[in-house]
Amino acid sequence: RILGAQSGRCIDVPGASQNNGTRVQLYDCNGQANQTWTLTSSKQLTVYGSRCLDAAGSGNGSAVQIYSCNGQANQQWNVNTNGTITGAQSGRCLDVWGTGNGQQVQIYDCNGQANQRFALS
């Protein structure tokens, strides 16, 4: 799982969708497959075995979604010791504006705040 430091909620694929382009969100942790993420040796964060955490763009506010794994830089992530997860392509951090269920995940300039810190377990 990927647990948000500020929210205490997990990064979740809504409705257990496996459709490309489904935006990820925060949701109460439940241990289900749609919250089970694996960091691969190629820096991909995978869910369902074949879908990758994917940045739809490289600018501030770009959506974070799932997409079929393709090895591109927008699907590669650095899990850092300070709790941030940064995109290899953008250098920006996974970021969530709020803490409630359904808050969508995006990338944004890293700022060291709790809304950009996550624990992968």
Protein backbone atom coordinates (compact mmCIF):
# COMPACT_ATOMS: atom_id res chain seq x y z
CA ARG A 1 0.00 0.00 0.00
CA ILE A 2 0.94 3.65 -0.36
CA LEU A 3 -0.15 5.48 2.79
CA GLY A 4 -0.48 9.26 2.89
CA ALA A 5 1.31 10.84 5.88
CA GLN A 6 -1.14 13.73 6.20
CA SER A 7 -4.36 11.87 5.47
CA GLY A 8 -3.72 8.40 6.91
CA ARG A 9 -5.47 7.13 3.77
CA CYS A 10 -4.20 4.92 0.95
CA ILE A 11 -3.70 5.58 -2.73
CA ASP A 12 -6.64 3.76 -4.30
CA VAL A 13 -7.95 2.93 -7.76
CA PRO A 14 -11.65 3.96 -7.67
CA GLY A 15 -14.15 1.15 -8.09
CA ALA A 16 -11.31 -1.36 -8.53
CA SER A 17 -11.20 -0.22 -12.16
CA GLN A 18 -8.50 -1.62 -14.42
CA ASN A 19 -9.23 0.84 -17.23
CA ASN A 20 -6.37 2.89 -18.62
CA GLY A 21 -6.68 6.52 -17.59
CA THR A 22 -8.47 5.90 -14.28
CA ARG A 23 -7.29 8.62 -11.88
CA VAL A 24 -6.09 7.44 -8.49
CA GLN A 25 -7.43 8.89 -5.25
CA LEU A 26 -7.10 8.72 -1.49
CA TYR A 27 -9.40 6.30 0.28
CA ASP A 28 -9.63 4.53 3.62
CA CYS A 29 -7.11 1.68 3.61
CA ASN A 30 -8.80 -1.69 3.15
CA GLY A 31 -6.10 -4.10 1.96
CA GLN A 32 -7.85 -4.82 -1.33
CA ALA A 33 -6.11 -5.34 -4.69
CA ASN A 34 -6.94 -1.80 -5.85
CA GLN A 35 -4.70 -0.49 -3.05
CA THR A 36 -1.90 -3.05 -3.37
CA TRP A 37 1.11 -1.42 -5.05
CA THR A 38 4.47 -3.02 -5.82
CA LEU A 39 7.69 -1.12 -6.53
CA THR A 40 9.55 -2.95 -9.30
CA SER A 41 13.29 -2.95 -10.00
CA SER A 42 12.58 -0.66 -12.97
CA LYS A 43 11.02 1.96 -10.62
CA GLN A 44 7.44 1.24 -11.63
CA LEU A 45 4.64 1.21 -9.06
CA THR A 46 2.32 -1.54 -10.25
CA VAL A 47 -1.21 -2.51 -9.30
CA TYR A 48 -3.09 -5.63 -10.53
CA GLY A 49 0.26 -6.87 -11.89
CA SER A 50 -0.05 -5.12 -15.26
CA ARG A 51 -1.09 -1.53 -14.57
CA CYS A 52 1.38 1.18 -13.62
CA LEU A 53 1.07 4.42 -11.73
CA ASP A 54 1.31 6.91 -14.59
CA ALA A 55 1.65 10.70 -14.77
CA ALA A 56 -0.59 12.04 -17.53
CA GLY A 57 1.73 15.03 -17.99
CA SER A 58 4.80 16.63 -16.46
CA GLY A 59 3.46 20.01 -15.29
CA ASN A 60 2.07 21.04 -11.91
CA GLY A 61 -1.40 19.58 -11.42
CA SER A 62 -0.97 16.78 -13.95
CA ALA A 63 -3.24 13.83 -13.23
CA VAL A 64 -1.89 10.61 -11.77
CA GLN A 65 -3.67 7.58 -13.18
CA ILE A 66 -3.21 3.91 -13.95
CA TYR A 67 -2.14 2.80 -17.39
CA SER A 68 -0.79 -0.35 -19.02
CA CYS A 69 2.89 -0.57 -18.12
CA ASN A 70 5.07 0.56 -21.02
CA GLY A 71 8.46 1.36 -19.48
CA GLN A 72 8.28 5.08 -20.22
CA ALA A 73 9.69 7.71 -17.84
CA ASN A 74 6.22 8.96 -16.89
CA GLN A 75 5.68 5.57 -15.23
CA GLN A 76 8.94 5.58 -13.26
CA TRP A 77 9.02 6.82 -9.68
CA ASN A 78 11.69 7.47 -7.08
CA VAL A 79 10.64 6.51 -3.56
CA ASN A 80 12.76 8.86 -1.46
CA THR A 81 13.96 8.57 2.14
CA ASN A 82 12.14 11.81 3.08
CA GLY A 83 8.78 10.18 2.25
CA THR A 84 8.26 11.82 -1.12
CA ILE A 85 7.62 9.92 -4.33
CA THR A 86 8.97 11.81 -7.34
CA GLY A 87 8.34 11.24 -11.01
CA ALA A 88 11.44 10.32 -13.02
CA GLN A 89 10.17 12.33 -16.00
CA SER A 90 8.96 15.46 -14.18
CA GLY A 91 10.96 15.53 -10.95
CA ARG A 92 7.68 16.53 -9.27
CA CYS A 93 6.16 14.94 -6.17
CA LEU A 94 2.99 12.93 -5.74
CA ASP A 95 0.67 15.45 -4.12
CA VAL A 96 -2.85 15.58 -2.73
CA TRP A 97 -4.66 18.85 -1.94
CA GLY A 98 -6.97 17.44 0.72
CA THR A 99 -7.22 14.52 3.10
CA GLY A 100 -10.73 13.13 2.52
CA ASN A 101 -11.87 10.05 0.66
CA GLY A 102 -11.97 10.71 -3.08
CA GLN A 103 -9.24 13.37 -3.15
CA GLN A 104 -7.42 12.92 -6.45
CA VAL A 105 -3.66 12.51 -6.65
CA GLN A 106 -1.57 14.77 -8.88
CA ILE A 107 2.06 15.77 -9.32
CA TYR A 108 3.31 19.12 -8.07
CA ASP A 109 6.55 20.91 -7.25
CA CYS A 110 8.02 19.31 -4.14
CA ASN A 111 7.58 21.48 -1.05
CA GLY A 112 8.34 19.20 1.90
CA GLN A 113 4.80 19.33 3.28
CA ALA A 114 2.92 16.34 4.72
CA ASN A 115 0.51 16.23 1.76
CA GLN A 116 3.47 15.07 -0.35
CA ARG A 117 4.78 12.38 2.00
CA PHE A 118 3.81 8.73 1.65
CA ALA A 119 4.89 5.40 3.11
CA LEU A 120 5.14 2.38 0.83
CA SER A 121 4.54 -0.90 2.62
